[in-house]
Amino acid sequence: MDFTRDEGQDAVAEVVVSLLEREPARDMGLWPKLADSGLLVVALPERFGGDGMGLLEVSALLTELATDAVAVPALPTLGFGVLPLVACAPEHVQSLVLPGVAEGVVLTAALSEPAAPFTLEPKTTAELGGDTVRITGHKVAVPYAEEASWLLVPTNAGIAVVDAGADGLTRTPTPVSGGIPECTVRLDQVEIPADQLWPVGLADLHRLALASIGSVADGLLKGAITLTAEHLRTRHQFGRPLAEFQAVAQQIADLYVVSRTLHVAAVSANWALAQEDTSQEHRERTDDDLEILAYTVTAELPAAMQKCHHLHGGLGVDVTHPMHRYYSQAKDIARWLGGASFRLDRLGARCSST
């Protein structure tokens, strides 16, 4: 196993860093700039004007954006949308949805239902009637649903691609911790062409979403620790930098250990998922890595962010200071994953089944 970034991944990361150095926006104001820079086409197939890259390049992009806690729909568009569509959607669906991504079209996926995060058995129904399918269901915690043009909707009959403006689809904004908007989505007999529903790919959608969330978590913690370390280096108490106090130094050292643990979990899971090995043994190992990553994110990331806040003192809770952007995004993605107890149960079930 070699987790070292190759030239393609380094090039993507360098473009992101260069863009963030030039552009001050860290919200939707940056989204058109991302489109203009060509970063959104990294994972698009070449037949749609893309670079034909894959998960590892998207991972590098998401990690670098998260290092600055950028609140744009890169995660749902690329991790929940483009990558799963390229991996398992029929050609005509790809042709319908993917070309718009280069122009900044937002994609997202409705991965969770009430009390069922990342559900493997969706209660959302798809009823076939001639050349159309009618979809009825209730989805929660759908990121950037109001901004999205297309939604990937898991149903009891497969994954459906739904036009966000379709009749019968209602998007209700829900409270969030910070700058990443999300909605509850209700579908009431929403009609789509039958060829926009395909019966396979839910497991792949979940795998790619988990890997992408892990990359974002990795970047968020890296950026928060960098911010915290700089604060401790420059903030003085009793005539000394805070970093020189033993208790403070021990806490930042603990945070570094957590950050490296999360980094290894994220990189190894993404690397495993990106391999072309189709054997059952490799698939099971990859699923183990992804479950470990999901648990690490939910158990360690919010706690680490809380400690970063503590080390900032009152400054960290001021909304004019960037620390709140890291903490809020970390809380939201941990909630999307279902929380630490849920993920521990999932991980334990895998261990007991083997």
Protein backbone atom coordinates (compact mmCIF):
# COMPACT_ATOMS: atom_id res chain seq x y z
CA MET A 1 0.00 0.00 0.00
CA ASP A 2 1.31 3.43 -0.99
CA PHE A 3 -0.83 6.35 0.13
CA THR A 4 1.47 8.99 -1.36
CA ARG A 5 -0.35 11.41 -3.64
CA ASP A 6 0.57 11.08 -7.29
CA GLU A 7 1.13 13.96 -9.71
CA GLY A 8 -2.56 14.22 -10.60
CA GLN A 9 -3.67 14.48 -6.97
CA ASP A 10 -0.92 16.98 -6.18
CA ALA A 11 -1.92 19.08 -9.18
CA VAL A 12 -5.56 19.19 -8.06
CA ALA A 13 -4.56 20.13 -4.52
CA GLU A 14 -2.25 22.88 -5.80
CA VAL A 15 -5.01 24.41 -7.92
CA VAL A 16 -7.34 24.48 -4.91
CA VAL A 17 -4.70 26.09 -2.69
CA SER A 18 -3.90 28.67 -5.38
CA LEU A 19 -7.59 29.51 -5.79
CA LEU A 20 -8.10 29.95 -2.05
CA GLU A 21 -5.08 32.25 -1.87
CA ARG A 22 -6.59 34.50 -4.56
CA GLU A 23 -10.25 34.44 -3.59
CA PRO A 24 -11.54 35.67 -0.21
CA ALA A 25 -14.98 34.02 -0.40
CA ARG A 26 -15.50 30.89 1.68
CA ASP A 27 -19.19 30.39 0.86
CA MET A 28 -21.33 30.10 -2.28
CA GLY A 29 -19.55 33.15 -3.67
CA LEU A 30 -16.61 30.83 -4.35
CA TRP A 31 -18.67 28.28 -6.29
CA PRO A 32 -18.54 30.06 -9.69
CA LYS A 33 -14.80 30.45 -9.26
CA LEU A 34 -14.46 26.71 -8.69
CA ALA A 35 -16.36 26.10 -11.92
CA ASP A 36 -14.23 28.61 -13.83
CA SER A 37 -11.04 27.01 -12.52
CA GLY A 38 -12.01 23.63 -14.00
CA LEU A 39 -11.95 21.88 -10.64
CA LEU A 40 -15.55 20.67 -10.92
CA VAL A 41 -14.74 18.61 -14.04
CA VAL A 42 -11.92 16.67 -12.39
CA ALA A 43 -14.01 13.49 -12.10
CA LEU A 44 -16.15 13.95 -15.22
CA PRO A 45 -15.48 11.48 -18.03
CA GLU A 46 -13.57 12.94 -20.96
CA ARG A 47 -16.63 12.51 -23.23
CA PHE A 48 -18.33 15.20 -21.13
CA GLY A 49 -15.35 17.53 -21.23
CA GLY A 50 -13.85 16.32 -17.98
CA ASP A 51 -10.42 15.15 -16.88
CA GLY A 52 -11.44 11.52 -16.35
CA MET A 53 -9.93 11.37 -12.88
CA GLY A 54 -11.47 9.59 -9.93
CA LEU A 55 -11.99 9.25 -6.21
CA LEU A 56 -8.44 10.04 -5.11
CA GLU A 57 -8.34 13.32 -7.02
CA VAL A 58 -11.77 14.29 -5.66
CA SER A 59 -10.52 13.35 -2.19
CA ALA A 60 -7.55 15.71 -2.57
CA LEU A 61 -9.89 18.49 -3.71
CA LEU A 62 -12.34 18.02 -0.84
CA THR A 63 -9.59 17.82 1.77
CA GLU A 64 -7.97 21.07 0.63
CA LEU A 65 -11.30 22.92 0.55
CA ALA A 66 -12.14 21.64 4.03
CA THR A 67 -8.77 22.79 5.35
CA ASP A 68 -10.17 26.31 4.97
CA ALA A 69 -13.69 25.22 6.05
CA VAL A 70 -15.10 26.35 2.71
CA ALA A 71 -18.92 26.11 2.67
CA VAL A 72 -19.66 25.18 -0.95
CA PRO A 73 -21.51 22.13 -2.37
CA ALA A 74 -18.38 20.32 -3.50
CA LEU A 75 -19.02 17.34 -1.22
CA PRO A 76 -22.59 16.58 -2.38
CA THR A 77 -21.92 17.49 -6.01
CA LEU A 78 -18.75 15.46 -6.44
CA GLY A 79 -18.81 12.88 -3.64
CA PHE A 80 -22.55 12.16 -3.53
CA GLY A 81 -23.30 12.95 -7.18
CA VAL A 82 -20.62 12.78 -9.84
CA LEU A 83 -18.63 9.83 -8.48
CA PRO A 84 -21.67 7.53 -7.96
CA LEU A 85 -23.17 8.48 -11.33
CA VAL A 86 -19.91 7.69 -13.12
CA ALA A 87 -19.57 4.43 -11.17
CA CYS A 88 -23.01 2.92 -11.67
CA ALA A 89 -25.53 5.08 -13.55
CA PRO A 90 -26.62 4.19 -17.10
CA GLU A 91 -25.04 6.16 -19.92
CA HIS A 92 -28.19 8.12 -20.75
CA VAL A 93 -28.51 9.29 -17.12
CA GLN A 94 -24.90 10.43 -17.10
CA SER A 95 -25.51 12.33 -20.35
CA LEU A 96 -28.54 14.03 -18.81
CA VAL A 97 -26.93 15.15 -15.57
CA LEU A 98 -23.15 15.36 -15.79
CA PRO A 99 -22.53 17.98 -18.52
CA GLY A 100 -24.09 20.70 -16.36
CA VAL A 101 -21.59 20.16 -13.55
CA ALA A 102 -18.90 21.98 -15.52
CA GLU A 103 -21.11 25.09 -15.45
CA GLY A 104 -21.68 24.89 -11.71
CA VAL A 105 -24.84 22.79 -11.54
CA VAL A 106 -25.24 21.43 -8.01
CA LEU A 107 -26.01 17.76 -7.36
CA THR A 108 -26.88 16.09 -4.08
CA ALA A 109 -28.12 12.78 -2.69
CA ALA A 110 -30.88 12.00 -0.19
CA LEU A 111 -29.02 9.35 1.78
CA SER A 112 -31.07 9.33 4.99
CA GLU A 113 -34.64 8.85 6.12
CA PRO A 114 -36.18 9.63 9.55
CA ALA A 115 -34.28 7.66 12.21
CA ALA A 116 -32.39 5.85 9.43
CA PRO A 117 -29.10 7.52 8.42
CA PHE A 118 -27.52 6.01 5.30
CA THR A 119 -30.34 3.52 5.18
CA LEU A 120 -29.72 0.30 3.29
CA GLU A 121 -33.45 -0.43 3.09
CA PRO A 122 -35.17 2.77 1.95
CA LYS A 123 -38.86 3.10 2.73
CA THR A 124 -39.19 5.53 -0.16
CA THR A 125 -41.19 3.71 -2.83
CA ALA A 126 -40.88 3.69 -6.60
CA GLU A 127 -43.96 2.47 -8.47
CA LEU A 128 -43.52 1.64 -12.12
CA GLY A 129 -46.37 2.53 -14.46
CA GLY A 130 -45.64 2.24 -18.15
CA ASP A 131 -42.81 4.60 -19.10
CA THR A 132 -42.88 6.50 -15.82
CA VAL A 133 -42.04 5.89 -12.19
CA ARG A 134 -43.85 7.53 -9.28
CA ILE A 135 -41.73 8.15 -6.20
CA THR A 136 -43.11 8.71 -2.72
CA GLY A 137 -41.06 9.15 0.42
CA HIS A 138 -39.53 11.29 3.12
CA LYS A 139 -35.81 12.15 3.20
CA VAL A 140 -33.93 14.11 5.84
CA ALA A 141 -30.62 15.96 6.14
CA VAL A 142 -30.21 16.48 2.40
CA PRO A 143 -27.33 18.95 1.96
CA TYR A 144 -27.74 21.81 -0.51
CA ALA A 145 -31.14 20.48 -1.60
CA GLU A 146 -32.46 23.98 -2.32
CA GLU A 147 -29.44 24.79 -4.48
CA ALA A 148 -29.40 21.44 -6.30
CA SER A 149 -30.73 20.86 -9.80
CA TRP A 150 -30.75 17.07 -9.46
CA LEU A 151 -31.17 14.70 -6.50
CA LEU A 152 -30.08 11.09 -6.28
CA VAL A 153 -32.91 9.42 -4.37
CA PRO A 154 -32.51 5.84 -3.06
CA THR A 155 -35.81 3.91 -3.22
CA ASN A 156 -37.00 0.38 -2.60
CA ALA A 157 -36.44 -0.33 -6.30
CA GLY A 158 -33.06 1.33 -6.81
CA ILE A 159 -31.61 4.81 -7.23
CA ALA A 160 -33.64 7.49 -8.97
CA VAL A 161 -32.36 10.73 -10.44
CA VAL A 162 -35.00 13.36 -9.77
CA ASP A 163 -35.26 16.88 -11.14
CA ALA A 164 -35.30 19.17 -8.11
CA GLY A 165 -38.09 21.19 -9.68
CA ALA A 166 -40.40 18.24 -10.27
CA ASP A 167 -44.05 18.47 -9.26
CA GLY A 168 -44.71 16.83 -5.91
CA LEU A 169 -41.19 17.42 -4.56
CA THR A 170 -41.07 19.69 -1.51
CA ARG A 171 -37.86 21.00 0.04
CA THR A 172 -38.12 22.39 3.57
CA PRO A 173 -34.99 24.05 5.03
CA THR A 174 -33.97 22.65 8.41
CA PRO A 175 -31.77 24.20 11.14
CA VAL A 176 -28.06 23.44 10.87
CA SER A 177 -24.97 24.17 12.90
CA GLY A 178 -23.34 26.51 10.39
CA GLY A 179 -22.87 27.36 6.77
CA ILE A 180 -23.94 24.12 5.05
CA PRO A 181 -27.67 24.36 4.29
CA GLU A 182 -29.83 21.27 4.24
CA CYS A 183 -33.47 20.34 3.78
CA THR A 184 -36.08 17.77 4.57
CA VAL A 185 -37.32 16.50 1.23
CA ARG A 186 -40.77 15.01 0.71
CA LEU A 187 -41.77 13.28 -2.50
CA ASP A 188 -45.46 12.79 -3.21
CA GLN A 189 -46.05 10.77 -6.36
CA VAL A 190 -43.15 12.51 -8.10
CA GLU A 191 -43.05 11.30 -11.70
CA ILE A 192 -39.80 10.61 -13.52
CA PRO A 193 -39.06 8.70 -16.74
CA ALA A 194 -38.59 5.02 -16.02
CA ASP A 195 -35.07 5.07 -17.44
CA GLN A 196 -33.98 7.49 -14.67
CA LEU A 197 -34.27 4.66 -12.13
CA TRP A 198 -31.72 1.88 -12.00
CA PRO A 199 -31.80 -1.10 -9.64
CA VAL A 200 -28.17 -1.31 -8.51
CA GLY A 201 -25.59 0.94 -6.92
CA LEU A 202 -26.91 1.87 -3.46
CA ALA A 203 -23.96 0.23 -1.72
CA ASP A 204 -21.54 2.03 -4.04
CA LEU A 205 -23.31 5.33 -3.40
CA HIS A 206 -22.88 4.85 0.34
CA ARG A 207 -19.24 3.82 -0.01
CA LEU A 208 -18.33 6.86 -2.09
CA ALA A 209 -20.27 9.18 0.22
CA LEU A 210 -18.51 7.79 3.30
CA ALA A 211 -15.09 8.09 1.69
CA SER A 212 -15.81 11.67 0.61
CA ILE A 213 -17.08 12.67 4.04
CA GLY A 214 -13.91 11.20 5.53
CA SER A 215 -11.78 13.39 3.25
CA VAL A 216 -13.71 16.47 4.35
CA ALA A 217 -13.32 15.49 8.02
CA ASP A 218 -9.58 15.05 7.52
CA GLY A 219 -9.27 18.54 6.07
CA LEU A 220 -11.46 20.16 8.71
CA LEU A 221 -9.41 18.83 11.61
CA LYS A 222 -6.13 19.65 9.90
CA GLY A 223 -7.26 23.24 9.34
CA ALA A 224 -8.67 23.65 12.85
CA ILE A 225 -5.45 22.43 14.46
CA THR A 226 -3.36 24.75 12.28
CA LEU A 227 -5.58 27.65 13.35
CA THR A 228 -5.36 26.63 17.00
CA ALA A 229 -1.59 26.15 16.97
CA GLU A 230 -1.11 29.62 15.48
CA HIS A 231 -3.34 31.11 18.17
CA LEU A 232 -1.38 29.38 20.91
CA ARG A 233 1.90 30.53 19.41
CA THR A 234 0.93 34.19 19.23
CA ARG A 235 -1.40 34.62 22.23
CA HIS A 236 0.45 35.56 25.43
CA GLN A 237 -0.52 35.12 29.07
CA PHE A 238 1.69 36.12 31.97
CA GLY A 239 4.28 37.26 29.47
CA ARG A 240 4.60 33.87 27.75
CA PRO A 241 3.00 32.31 24.64
CA LEU A 242 0.17 29.95 25.58
CA ALA A 243 1.97 27.16 23.72
CA GLU A 244 4.72 27.16 26.36
CA PHE A 245 2.36 26.09 29.16
CA GLN A 246 2.63 22.36 29.76
CA ALA A 247 -1.10 21.66 30.01
CA VAL A 248 -1.73 23.49 26.73
CA ALA A 249 1.13 21.70 25.00
CA GLN A 250 -0.26 18.34 26.10
CA GLN A 251 -3.70 19.16 24.72
CA ILE A 252 -2.42 20.27 21.33
CA ALA A 253 -0.28 17.12 21.21
CA ASP A 254 -3.39 15.00 21.84
CA LEU A 255 -5.14 16.83 19.02
CA TYR A 256 -2.25 16.08 16.69
CA VAL A 257 -2.54 12.36 17.47
CA VAL A 258 -6.28 12.43 16.72
CA SER A 259 -5.62 14.31 13.49
CA ARG A 260 -3.05 11.79 12.28
CA THR A 261 -5.36 8.90 13.21
CA LEU A 262 -8.22 10.41 11.22
CA HIS A 263 -5.90 11.15 8.32
CA VAL A 264 -4.72 7.55 8.14
CA ALA A 265 -8.30 6.25 8.35
CA ALA A 266 -9.45 8.59 5.58
CA VAL A 267 -6.54 8.05 3.23
CA SER A 268 -6.49 4.27 3.63
CA ALA A 269 -10.25 3.94 3.07
CA ASN A 270 -10.15 6.15 -0.01
CA TRP A 271 -7.14 4.29 -1.37
CA ALA A 272 -8.80 0.90 -0.86
CA LEU A 273 -12.04 2.04 -2.48
CA ALA A 274 -10.16 3.44 -5.47
CA GLN A 275 -8.48 0.12 -6.26
CA GLU A 276 -9.87 -1.90 -9.17
CA ASP A 277 -9.79 -5.17 -7.23
CA THR A 278 -13.31 -6.63 -7.54
CA SER A 279 -12.75 -9.65 -5.31
CA GLN A 280 -15.13 -10.27 -2.41
CA GLU A 281 -12.23 -10.28 0.05
CA HIS A 282 -11.09 -6.82 -1.05
CA ARG A 283 -14.66 -5.50 -0.96
CA GLU A 284 -15.12 -6.71 2.62
CA ARG A 285 -11.80 -5.19 3.72
CA THR A 286 -12.77 -1.91 2.10
CA ASP A 287 -16.14 -1.91 3.84
CA ASP A 288 -14.35 -2.55 7.14
CA ASP A 289 -12.07 0.44 6.46
CA LEU A 290 -15.04 2.65 5.64
CA GLU A 291 -16.91 1.68 8.81
CA ILE A 292 -13.78 2.39 10.87
CA LEU A 293 -13.51 5.76 9.13
CA ALA A 294 -17.17 6.61 9.81
CA TYR A 295 -16.81 5.72 13.49
CA THR A 296 -13.57 7.69 13.80
CA VAL A 297 -15.22 10.76 12.31
CA THR A 298 -18.27 10.59 14.57
CA ALA A 299 -16.39 9.70 17.76
CA GLU A 300 -13.25 11.80 17.44
CA LEU A 301 -13.93 14.80 15.20
CA PRO A 302 -16.54 16.70 17.29
CA ALA A 303 -14.57 16.11 20.49
CA ALA A 304 -11.37 17.37 18.86
CA MET A 305 -13.17 20.47 17.58
CA GLN A 306 -14.50 21.11 21.09
CA LYS A 307 -10.95 21.01 22.43
CA CYS A 308 -9.82 23.45 19.71
CA HIS A 309 -12.60 25.79 20.85
CA HIS A 310 -11.47 25.44 24.46
CA LEU A 311 -7.89 26.32 23.54
CA HIS A 312 -9.11 29.43 21.74
CA GLY A 313 -10.98 30.60 24.81
CA GLY A 314 -13.83 33.04 24.24
CA LEU A 315 -12.35 34.05 20.89
CA GLY A 316 -13.32 30.71 19.37
CA VAL A 317 -17.06 31.19 19.78
CA ASP A 318 -17.09 34.62 18.11
CA VAL A 319 -18.73 34.26 14.68
CA THR A 320 -16.26 36.77 13.26
CA HIS A 321 -13.48 34.26 13.98
CA PRO A 322 -13.09 31.32 11.55
CA MET A 323 -13.04 28.61 14.22
CA HIS A 324 -16.83 28.33 14.28
CA ARG A 325 -16.85 27.34 10.59
CA TYR A 326 -14.77 24.24 11.32
CA TYR A 327 -16.75 23.20 14.37
CA SER A 328 -20.16 23.66 12.73
CA GLN A 329 -19.26 21.63 9.66
CA ALA A 330 -17.76 18.90 11.83
CA LYS A 331 -20.95 18.67 13.90
CA ASP A 332 -23.11 18.47 10.80
CA ILE A 333 -21.19 15.70 9.03
CA ALA A 334 -21.02 13.66 12.23
CA ARG A 335 -24.80 13.98 12.47
CA TRP A 336 -25.23 12.95 8.82
CA LEU A 337 -23.35 9.76 9.63
CA GLY A 338 -25.71 8.96 12.49
CA GLY A 339 -23.47 9.69 15.45
CA ALA A 340 -20.86 7.64 17.29
CA SER A 341 -23.22 5.10 18.90
CA PHE A 342 -24.88 4.27 15.60
CA ARG A 343 -21.55 3.86 13.84
CA LEU A 344 -20.13 1.77 16.68
CA ASP A 345 -23.13 -0.56 16.37
CA ARG A 346 -22.55 -0.82 12.61
CA LEU A 347 -18.87 -1.55 13.14
CA GLY A 348 -19.61 -4.08 15.86
CA ALA A 349 -22.11 -5.88 13.62
CA ARG A 350 -19.41 -6.28 10.98
CA CYS A 351 -16.98 -7.65 13.54
CA SER A 352 -19.51 -10.12 14.95
CA SER A 353 -20.51 -11.32 11.49
CA THR A 354 -16.95 -12.26 10.62
